[in-house]
Amino acid sequence: MRALADSLIAVLLAPLCAACDAPLDTPTRGPVCEGCWSGVRAFSPPLCNHCGDPLPSWRHLSLEQQVCPRCRRARSALSSVRAIGPYEGPLRAIVHALKYGGRRSIAPRLGELMRSTADGRIDDVDVAVPVPLHWRRQRVRGFNQADDLARLLGIPVLTALTRVRSTTSQTDLPAARRHANVRGAFRLRWRTRVSGLRVVLVDDVCTTGATLEACARVLREAGAEDVRAITAARVASPPPGSRRR
């Protein structure tokens, strides 16, 4: 019956993949074609134990070097960050279709990939906290993609944070300005308690990590025992000695 339905929908409606605009052969399975899903490039080990950025070959790593140079230099309110893969190619197109195209039916498969990517790192957390949108942006968009993803991880969701200041999109800013852009932008919701809880922050994309870091600091200051993060995609840092274009 599904094959028949796919054939009829494909012939009568000719729907296109929300990510690549190719004709959908199996539209009943969602708005993204299997070619795009199979083209998602996941991060592969070795990865930084903290931020999840790719590291050089295991042959050149000691235990101390399993944390990237940037994480060794900076203190963080986050104990670990993970993402499915780099914010490029099919994964970028899929995230855009969810976030800007309003194709919310994409979220379940992304959430499944995120949980698999976590590799047990979220099994012992108490709550998932989605990174909030400013109320004006959420009213225009109609939903918060981070909240949709958080509800698919199999963890109780706590909307513990609120964005009290509208900010420029992080992707529109140079890296040096991103931390300043989100400083003071988040607060704990009134009468929300996170003291003693193990928390995983959830968002769609991690760029420099400034937004996740700002949220984690608010949760830590409110008494959270541990704060981790997981996102669908991550803008990976370039290897040491190279320049990001």
Protein backbone atom coordinates (compact mmCIF):
# COMPACT_ATOMS: atom_id res chain seq x y z
CA MET A 1 0.00 0.00 0.00
CA ARG A 2 2.82 2.41 0.78
CA ALA A 3 4.49 1.71 -2.56
CA LEU A 4 1.19 2.37 -4.32
CA ALA A 5 0.67 5.58 -2.36
CA ASP A 6 4.23 6.71 -3.18
CA SER A 7 3.63 6.07 -6.88
CA LEU A 8 0.33 7.95 -6.93
CA ILE A 9 1.66 10.93 -5.00
CA ALA A 10 4.81 11.07 -7.15
CA VAL A 11 2.76 11.06 -10.38
CA LEU A 12 -0.10 13.33 -9.31
CA LEU A 13 1.70 15.87 -7.12
CA ALA A 14 5.34 15.53 -8.23
CA PRO A 15 6.73 16.62 -4.82
CA LEU A 16 10.37 17.67 -4.61
CA CYS A 17 12.97 16.91 -1.96
CA ALA A 18 13.04 19.72 0.58
CA ALA A 19 16.85 19.57 0.63
CA CYS A 20 17.97 19.09 -2.99
CA ASP A 21 14.80 19.76 -5.07
CA ALA A 22 15.02 16.36 -6.80
CA PRO A 23 11.73 14.48 -7.36
CA LEU A 24 10.74 12.40 -4.34
CA ASP A 25 10.41 8.70 -5.11
CA THR A 26 9.02 7.87 -1.67
CA PRO A 27 7.09 10.96 -0.49
CA THR A 28 5.25 9.03 2.24
CA ARG A 29 8.60 8.59 4.03
CA GLY A 30 9.12 12.31 4.48
CA PRO A 31 10.07 15.46 2.57
CA VAL A 32 13.76 14.59 2.17
CA CYS A 33 14.98 12.00 -0.33
CA GLU A 34 17.04 8.98 0.68
CA GLY A 35 19.93 10.30 -1.39
CA CYS A 36 20.23 13.34 0.87
CA TRP A 37 19.91 11.32 4.06
CA SER A 38 22.54 8.83 2.92
CA GLY A 39 24.76 11.76 1.90
CA VAL A 40 24.93 13.13 5.45
CA ARG A 41 28.58 13.00 6.44
CA ALA A 42 28.98 12.16 10.12
CA PHE A 43 32.00 13.09 12.20
CA SER A 44 34.27 10.10 12.68
CA PRO A 45 36.75 9.48 15.52
CA PRO A 46 39.07 10.63 16.80
CA LEU A 47 37.13 13.61 18.15
CA CYS A 48 37.93 16.16 20.83
CA ASN A 49 36.56 14.78 24.10
CA HIS A 50 35.10 18.19 24.89
CA CYS A 51 33.84 20.03 21.78
CA GLY A 52 33.59 17.11 19.35
CA ASP A 53 35.82 18.64 16.67
CA PRO A 54 37.76 16.14 14.55
CA LEU A 55 41.33 15.46 15.67
CA PRO A 56 44.36 14.09 13.81
CA SER A 57 44.92 10.35 13.47
CA TRP A 58 44.93 8.18 16.61
CA ARG A 59 48.57 7.36 15.85
CA HIS A 60 49.57 10.90 16.83
CA LEU A 61 47.41 11.23 19.94
CA SER A 62 48.24 10.80 23.60
CA LEU A 63 45.55 10.83 26.27
CA GLU A 64 46.28 14.51 26.94
CA GLN A 65 45.93 15.33 23.24
CA GLN A 66 42.39 13.93 23.04
CA VAL A 67 41.26 17.49 23.73
CA CYS A 68 41.79 20.00 20.92
CA PRO A 69 44.14 22.99 21.42
CA ARG A 70 41.25 25.46 21.61
CA CYS A 71 39.53 23.53 24.42
CA ARG A 72 42.81 23.14 26.31
CA ARG A 73 43.18 26.92 26.29
CA ALA A 74 39.64 27.93 27.28
CA ARG A 75 37.50 27.15 30.31
CA SER A 76 33.95 26.09 29.53
CA ALA A 77 30.66 25.68 31.38
CA LEU A 78 29.96 22.69 29.11
CA SER A 79 31.38 19.28 29.91
CA SER A 80 30.96 17.98 26.34
CA VAL A 81 29.43 18.88 22.97
CA ARG A 82 28.46 16.54 20.15
CA ALA A 83 26.93 16.92 16.67
CA ILE A 84 25.96 14.56 13.88
CA GLY A 85 28.39 16.07 11.40
CA PRO A 86 29.73 19.21 9.75
CA TYR A 87 27.35 21.98 8.76
CA GLU A 88 27.75 21.50 5.03
CA GLY A 89 26.35 19.53 2.09
CA PRO A 90 23.15 17.50 2.60
CA LEU A 91 23.11 17.99 6.39
CA ARG A 92 23.13 21.78 5.98
CA ALA A 93 20.33 21.57 3.41
CA ILE A 94 18.28 19.30 5.69
CA VAL A 95 18.69 21.63 8.68
CA HIS A 96 17.71 24.61 6.50
CA ALA A 97 14.58 22.79 5.31
CA LEU A 98 13.56 22.24 8.93
CA LYS A 99 14.56 25.65 10.26
CA TYR A 100 13.64 28.02 7.45
CA GLY A 101 11.33 25.89 5.32
CA GLY A 102 9.13 24.83 8.22
CA ARG A 103 9.39 21.14 7.29
CA ARG A 104 8.95 19.91 10.83
CA SER A 105 8.44 16.30 9.77
CA ILE A 106 12.22 16.23 9.21
CA ALA A 107 12.84 16.51 12.96
CA PRO A 108 12.18 12.85 13.94
CA ARG A 109 14.93 11.46 11.72
CA LEU A 110 17.35 14.20 12.76
CA GLY A 111 16.55 13.50 16.40
CA GLU A 112 17.22 9.80 15.84
CA LEU A 113 20.62 10.61 14.33
CA MET A 114 21.42 12.98 17.19
CA ARG A 115 20.68 10.35 19.81
CA SER A 116 22.83 7.83 17.96
CA THR A 117 25.62 10.42 17.72
CA ALA A 118 25.51 11.02 21.47
CA ASP A 119 26.87 7.48 21.93
CA GLY A 120 25.55 7.13 25.47
CA ARG A 121 26.59 10.62 26.57
CA ILE A 122 22.98 11.63 27.26
CA ASP A 123 21.73 8.39 28.78
CA ASP A 124 22.21 9.62 32.35
CA VAL A 125 20.97 13.21 31.96
CA ASP A 126 17.85 14.35 33.81
CA VAL A 127 16.41 16.86 31.33
CA ALA A 128 16.89 18.20 27.82
CA VAL A 129 16.80 22.00 27.60
CA PRO A 130 16.21 23.50 24.14
CA VAL A 131 18.05 26.71 23.26
CA PRO A 132 15.23 29.29 23.13
CA LEU A 133 14.36 31.69 20.34
CA HIS A 134 13.41 35.28 21.08
CA TRP A 135 9.61 35.47 21.25
CA ARG A 136 9.41 37.71 18.18
CA ARG A 137 11.42 35.30 16.04
CA GLN A 138 9.44 32.31 17.29
CA ARG A 139 6.16 34.06 16.51
CA VAL A 140 7.30 34.69 12.92
CA ARG A 141 8.68 31.16 12.46
CA GLY A 142 5.81 29.48 14.30
CA PHE A 143 7.99 27.00 16.18
CA ASN A 144 11.38 26.50 17.77
CA GLN A 145 13.36 23.83 15.91
CA ALA A 146 15.54 23.20 18.99
CA ASP A 147 12.43 22.36 21.01
CA ASP A 148 11.22 19.97 18.29
CA LEU A 149 14.57 18.17 18.30
CA ALA A 150 14.79 18.05 22.10
CA ARG A 151 11.44 16.26 22.30
CA LEU A 152 12.73 13.44 20.11
CA LEU A 153 15.70 12.41 22.27
CA GLY A 154 13.70 10.30 24.72
CA ILE A 155 14.52 12.61 27.63
CA PRO A 156 12.13 14.80 29.68
CA VAL A 157 12.17 18.32 28.21
CA LEU A 158 12.42 21.36 30.44
CA THR A 159 12.03 24.79 28.81
CA ALA A 160 14.29 26.26 31.47
CA LEU A 161 15.64 29.23 29.53
CA THR A 162 14.23 32.32 27.94
CA ARG A 163 15.92 34.67 25.48
CA VAL A 164 15.46 38.15 26.91
CA ARG A 165 17.25 40.02 24.15
CA SER A 166 16.88 39.63 20.42
CA THR A 167 20.28 39.03 18.84
CA THR A 168 21.77 39.09 15.38
CA SER A 169 22.07 35.64 13.82
CA GLN A 170 25.41 34.14 14.85
CA THR A 171 26.09 33.00 11.29
CA ASP A 172 26.03 36.63 10.16
CA LEU A 173 28.82 37.67 12.55
CA PRO A 174 32.59 37.14 12.62
CA ALA A 175 33.75 34.71 15.28
CA ALA A 176 35.25 37.47 17.45
CA ARG A 177 31.83 39.12 17.93
CA ARG A 178 29.69 36.06 18.61
CA HIS A 179 30.33 35.80 22.34
CA ALA A 180 29.52 39.50 22.83
CA ASN A 181 26.39 39.09 20.71
CA VAL A 182 24.80 36.56 23.11
CA ARG A 183 26.22 37.89 26.39
CA GLY A 184 23.30 38.48 28.75
CA ALA A 185 20.78 37.26 26.16
CA PHE A 186 19.52 34.29 28.22
CA ARG A 187 17.93 33.94 31.64
CA LEU A 188 16.43 31.17 33.70
CA ARG A 189 12.64 31.12 33.49
CA TRP A 190 10.82 32.31 36.58
CA ARG A 191 10.22 29.53 39.11
CA THR A 192 12.33 27.07 37.13
CA ARG A 193 14.76 24.96 39.14
CA VAL A 194 17.74 23.11 37.72
CA SER A 195 19.79 22.78 40.90
CA GLY A 196 21.49 19.38 41.05
CA LEU A 197 20.27 18.34 37.60
CA ARG A 198 22.30 16.88 34.76
CA VAL A 199 21.28 18.83 31.66
CA VAL A 200 21.78 18.45 27.92
CA LEU A 201 21.32 21.60 25.85
CA VAL A 202 19.79 21.02 22.41
CA ASP A 203 20.11 23.19 19.30
CA ASP A 204 20.15 22.76 15.54
CA VAL A 205 23.61 24.18 14.75
CA CYS A 206 26.74 24.97 16.74
CA THR A 207 28.98 27.59 15.11
CA THR A 208 31.64 28.82 17.53
CA GLY A 209 29.76 27.47 20.55
CA ALA A 210 29.05 30.96 21.92
CA THR A 211 25.29 30.45 22.21
CA LEU A 212 25.64 27.07 23.92
CA GLU A 213 28.27 28.49 26.26
CA ALA A 214 26.05 31.44 27.23
CA CYS A 215 23.14 29.10 27.98
CA ALA A 216 25.35 26.69 29.93
CA ARG A 217 26.65 29.48 32.15
CA VAL A 218 23.11 30.49 33.12
CA LEU A 219 22.30 26.87 34.01
CA ARG A 220 25.54 26.40 35.95
CA GLU A 221 24.92 29.61 37.91
CA ALA A 222 21.46 28.27 38.77
CA GLY A 223 23.05 25.15 40.25
CA ALA A 224 22.97 22.59 37.44
CA GLU A 225 25.34 19.72 38.32
CA ASP A 226 26.46 19.12 34.74
CA VAL A 227 25.69 20.69 31.37
CA ARG A 228 26.34 18.98 28.05
CA ALA A 229 25.15 19.85 24.56
CA ILE A 230 24.09 18.11 21.37
CA THR A 231 23.26 19.68 18.03
CA ALA A 232 22.29 18.43 14.59
CA ALA A 233 25.29 20.06 12.91
CA ARG A 234 28.50 21.83 13.81
CA VAL A 235 30.77 24.26 12.00
CA ALA A 236 33.99 22.37 12.60
CA SER A 237 37.12 24.33 13.39
CA PRO A 238 39.85 24.17 10.73
CA PRO A 239 42.90 22.02 11.50
CA PRO A 240 45.76 23.79 13.30
CA GLY A 241 47.82 25.93 10.93
CA SER A 242 45.06 26.32 8.33
CA ARG A 243 42.86 29.32 7.63
CA ARG A 244 39.07 29.25 7.61
CA ARG A 245 37.72 30.83 4.47
